[in-house]
Amino acid sequence: MPHLEAVVSSTLRPDAWSANNAQCRSRYQILAEAEPDLICRVLNLFAMQYLIPQQVSVLQQEGVLTIDVEVDGMSWHRAQVIGEKMRNLINVCSVALEPIEESHVLSGPVSLAVG
């Protein structure tokens, strides 16, 4: 019986569709019917690509979920493919995808003065 060995995986999955394209940060804005498993199904699309979102926010109002997800480390083409997969999920009404300029991304917390 062979000994068990630890499997070492790369931190980012190579993008076979467009390996030469630069990676970008993307924001998804999803509107969907409120269902208990929908958030897991949306986040699973990133997990299957070995991606961890930088930020996730969810708001439920009147039976509608508003989900905002920011993800870094993938090409624009891959971001679009994941967006199309989201649109095909049951209970998803709409998906908006936009690239985020790196110059607008904050690197740390910001303190606001109240005056």
C-alpha atoms as a PDB file:
ATOM      1  CA  MET A   1       0.000   0.000   0.000  1.00  0.00           C
ATOM      2  CA  PRO A   2       1.576   3.350  -1.007  1.00  0.00           C
ATOM      3  CA  HIS A   3       2.197   6.074   1.545  1.00  0.00           C
ATOM      4  CA  LEU A   4      -0.076   9.083   1.454  1.00  0.00           C
ATOM      5  CA  GLU A   5       1.578  12.248   0.246  1.00  0.00           C
ATOM      6  CA  ALA A   6       0.429  15.806   0.628  1.00  0.00           C
ATOM      7  CA  VAL A   7      -0.868  17.306  -2.582  1.00  0.00           C
ATOM      8  CA  VAL A   8       0.650  20.682  -3.303  1.00  0.00           C
ATOM      9  CA  SER A   9      -1.619  22.893  -5.389  1.00  0.00           C
ATOM     10  CA  SER A  10      -0.756  26.198  -6.973  1.00  0.00           C
ATOM     11  CA  THR A  11      -2.261  29.305  -5.413  1.00  0.00           C
ATOM     12  CA  LEU A  12      -3.847  30.361  -8.696  1.00  0.00           C
ATOM     13  CA  ARG A  13      -5.282  28.122 -11.340  1.00  0.00           C
ATOM     14  CA  PRO A  14      -3.675  28.783 -14.751  1.00  0.00           C
ATOM     15  CA  ASP A  15      -6.027  30.389 -17.238  1.00  0.00           C
ATOM     16  CA  ALA A  16      -5.924  28.056 -20.231  1.00  0.00           C
ATOM     17  CA  TRP A  17      -8.343  30.258 -22.219  1.00  0.00           C
ATOM     18  CA  SER A  18      -6.142  33.323 -22.210  1.00  0.00           C
ATOM     19  CA  ALA A  19      -2.864  32.569 -20.477  1.00  0.00           C
ATOM     20  CA  ASN A  20      -1.158  35.689 -21.888  1.00  0.00           C
ATOM     21  CA  ASN A  21      -3.808  38.163 -20.706  1.00  0.00           C
ATOM     22  CA  ALA A  22      -3.166  40.342 -17.678  1.00  0.00           C
ATOM     23  CA  GLN A  23      -5.060  39.603 -14.529  1.00  0.00           C
ATOM     24  CA  CYS A  24      -7.537  42.126 -13.231  1.00  0.00           C
ATOM     25  CA  ARG A  25      -9.856  42.800 -10.317  1.00  0.00           C
ATOM     26  CA  SER A  26     -13.547  42.444 -11.144  1.00  0.00           C
ATOM     27  CA  ARG A  27     -16.793  43.384  -9.411  1.00  0.00           C
ATOM     28  CA  TYR A  28     -19.954  41.342  -9.814  1.00  0.00           C
ATOM     29  CA  GLN A  29     -23.331  42.801  -8.854  1.00  0.00           C
ATOM     30  CA  ILE A  30     -25.969  40.090  -8.707  1.00  0.00           C
ATOM     31  CA  LEU A  31     -29.716  40.427  -8.165  1.00  0.00           C
ATOM     32  CA  ALA A  32     -31.546  37.216  -7.344  1.00  0.00           C
ATOM     33  CA  GLU A  33     -34.567  35.760  -5.622  1.00  0.00           C
ATOM     34  CA  ALA A  34     -33.783  35.083  -1.962  1.00  0.00           C
ATOM     35  CA  GLU A  35     -33.069  31.357  -1.635  1.00  0.00           C
ATOM     36  CA  PRO A  36     -31.084  29.759   1.214  1.00  0.00           C
ATOM     37  CA  ASP A  37     -28.497  28.062  -1.018  1.00  0.00           C
ATOM     38  CA  LEU A  38     -27.966  30.810  -3.594  1.00  0.00           C
ATOM     39  CA  ILE A  39     -24.999  32.481  -1.882  1.00  0.00           C
ATOM     40  CA  CYS A  40     -23.199  29.122  -1.711  1.00  0.00           C
ATOM     41  CA  ARG A  41     -23.883  28.422  -5.382  1.00  0.00           C
ATOM     42  CA  VAL A  42     -22.515  31.835  -6.412  1.00  0.00           C
ATOM     43  CA  LEU A  43     -19.366  31.527  -4.286  1.00  0.00           C
ATOM     44  CA  ASN A  44     -18.822  27.949  -5.468  1.00  0.00           C
ATOM     45  CA  LEU A  45     -18.198  29.271  -8.996  1.00  0.00           C
ATOM     46  CA  PHE A  46     -15.093  31.006  -7.645  1.00  0.00           C
ATOM     47  CA  ALA A  47     -14.044  28.091  -5.437  1.00  0.00           C
ATOM     48  CA  MET A  48     -14.020  25.737  -8.442  1.00  0.00           C
ATOM     49  CA  GLN A  49     -11.454  28.085 -10.051  1.00  0.00           C
ATOM     50  CA  TYR A  50      -9.319  28.228  -6.858  1.00  0.00           C
ATOM     51  CA  LEU A  51     -10.262  31.878  -6.366  1.00  0.00           C
ATOM     52  CA  ILE A  52     -11.089  33.556  -3.073  1.00  0.00           C
ATOM     53  CA  PRO A  53     -13.095  36.803  -3.313  1.00  0.00           C
ATOM     54  CA  GLN A  54     -11.510  39.918  -1.826  1.00  0.00           C
ATOM     55  CA  GLN A  55     -14.887  41.172  -0.656  1.00  0.00           C
ATOM     56  CA  VAL A  56     -18.440  39.817  -0.499  1.00  0.00           C
ATOM     57  CA  SER A  57     -21.538  41.664   0.652  1.00  0.00           C
ATOM     58  CA  VAL A  58     -25.124  40.450   0.673  1.00  0.00           C
ATOM     59  CA  LEU A  59     -28.306  42.372   1.374  1.00  0.00           C
ATOM     60  CA  GLN A  60     -31.804  40.893   1.462  1.00  0.00           C
ATOM     61  CA  GLN A  61     -34.796  43.169   0.920  1.00  0.00           C
ATOM     62  CA  GLU A  62     -38.336  42.088   0.127  1.00  0.00           C
ATOM     63  CA  GLY A  63     -37.347  38.630  -1.091  1.00  0.00           C
ATOM     64  CA  VAL A  64     -34.504  39.863  -3.312  1.00  0.00           C
ATOM     65  CA  LEU A  65     -30.804  39.311  -2.645  1.00  0.00           C
ATOM     66  CA  THR A  66     -28.290  41.912  -3.760  1.00  0.00           C
ATOM     67  CA  ILE A  67     -24.853  40.270  -3.845  1.00  0.00           C
ATOM     68  CA  ASP A  68     -21.660  42.234  -4.533  1.00  0.00           C
ATOM     69  CA  VAL A  69     -18.453  40.254  -5.041  1.00  0.00           C
ATOM     70  CA  GLU A  70     -14.957  41.581  -5.780  1.00  0.00           C
ATOM     71  CA  VAL A  71     -12.404  39.095  -7.077  1.00  0.00           C
ATOM     72  CA  ASP A  72      -8.771  39.542  -8.022  1.00  0.00           C
ATOM     73  CA  GLY A  73      -6.364  37.272  -9.884  1.00  0.00           C
ATOM     74  CA  MET A  74      -8.160  36.273 -13.069  1.00  0.00           C
ATOM     75  CA  SER A  75      -8.242  37.448 -16.658  1.00  0.00           C
ATOM     76  CA  TRP A  76     -11.148  39.513 -17.947  1.00  0.00           C
ATOM     77  CA  HIS A  77     -12.174  36.595 -20.148  1.00  0.00           C
ATOM     78  CA  ARG A  78     -12.422  34.243 -17.174  1.00  0.00           C
ATOM     79  CA  ALA A  79     -14.404  36.896 -15.263  1.00  0.00           C
ATOM     80  CA  GLN A  80     -16.898  37.034 -18.145  1.00  0.00           C
ATOM     81  CA  VAL A  81     -17.211  33.238 -18.271  1.00  0.00           C
ATOM     82  CA  ILE A  82     -17.958  33.096 -14.543  1.00  0.00           C
ATOM     83  CA  GLY A  83     -20.508  35.899 -15.013  1.00  0.00           C
ATOM     84  CA  GLU A  84     -22.289  33.866 -17.697  1.00  0.00           C
ATOM     85  CA  LYS A  85     -22.367  30.850 -15.377  1.00  0.00           C
ATOM     86  CA  MET A  86     -23.943  33.050 -12.696  1.00  0.00           C
ATOM     87  CA  ARG A  87     -26.611  34.196 -15.151  1.00  0.00           C
ATOM     88  CA  ASN A  88     -27.499  30.541 -15.737  1.00  0.00           C
ATOM     89  CA  LEU A  89     -28.116  29.827 -12.056  1.00  0.00           C
ATOM     90  CA  ILE A  90     -31.733  29.330 -11.092  1.00  0.00           C
ATOM     91  CA  ASN A  91     -33.169  32.313  -9.191  1.00  0.00           C
ATOM     92  CA  VAL A  92     -30.588  34.793 -10.572  1.00  0.00           C
ATOM     93  CA  CYS A  93     -32.333  37.756 -12.193  1.00  0.00           C
ATOM     94  CA  SER A  94     -29.330  39.779 -13.383  1.00  0.00           C
ATOM     95  CA  VAL A  95     -25.537  39.931 -13.220  1.00  0.00           C
ATOM     96  CA  ALA A  96     -23.500  43.078 -13.868  1.00  0.00           C
ATOM     97  CA  LEU A  97     -19.743  42.760 -14.253  1.00  0.00           C
ATOM     98  CA  GLU A  98     -17.207  45.576 -14.288  1.00  0.00           C
ATOM     99  CA  PRO A  99     -13.425  45.810 -14.052  1.00  0.00           C
ATOM    100  CA  ILE A 100     -12.059  47.744 -11.090  1.00  0.00           C
ATOM    101  CA  GLU A 101      -9.161  50.098 -11.632  1.00  0.00           C
ATOM    102  CA  GLU A 102      -6.304  49.242  -9.294  1.00  0.00           C
ATOM    103  CA  SER A 103      -5.753  52.913  -8.461  1.00  0.00           C
ATOM    104  CA  HIS A 104      -9.188  53.015  -6.782  1.00  0.00           C
ATOM    105  CA  VAL A 105      -8.582  49.971  -4.595  1.00  0.00           C
ATOM    106  CA  LEU A 106      -7.717  50.835  -1.004  1.00  0.00           C
ATOM    107  CA  SER A 107      -4.853  48.913   0.532  1.00  0.00           C
ATOM    108  CA  GLY A 108      -5.882  49.368   4.137  1.00  0.00           C
ATOM    109  CA  PRO A 109      -8.616  50.642   6.409  1.00  0.00           C
ATOM    110  CA  VAL A 110      -9.536  54.317   6.248  1.00  0.00           C
ATOM    111  CA  SER A 111     -10.507  56.395   9.280  1.00  0.00           C
ATOM    112  CA  LEU A 112     -13.027  59.157   8.693  1.00  0.00           C
ATOM    113  CA  ALA A 113     -13.103  62.193  10.926  1.00  0.00           C
ATOM    114  CA  VAL A 114     -16.474  63.313  12.176  1.00  0.00           C
ATOM    115  CA  GLY A 115     -16.692  67.020  12.288  1.00  0.00           C
END
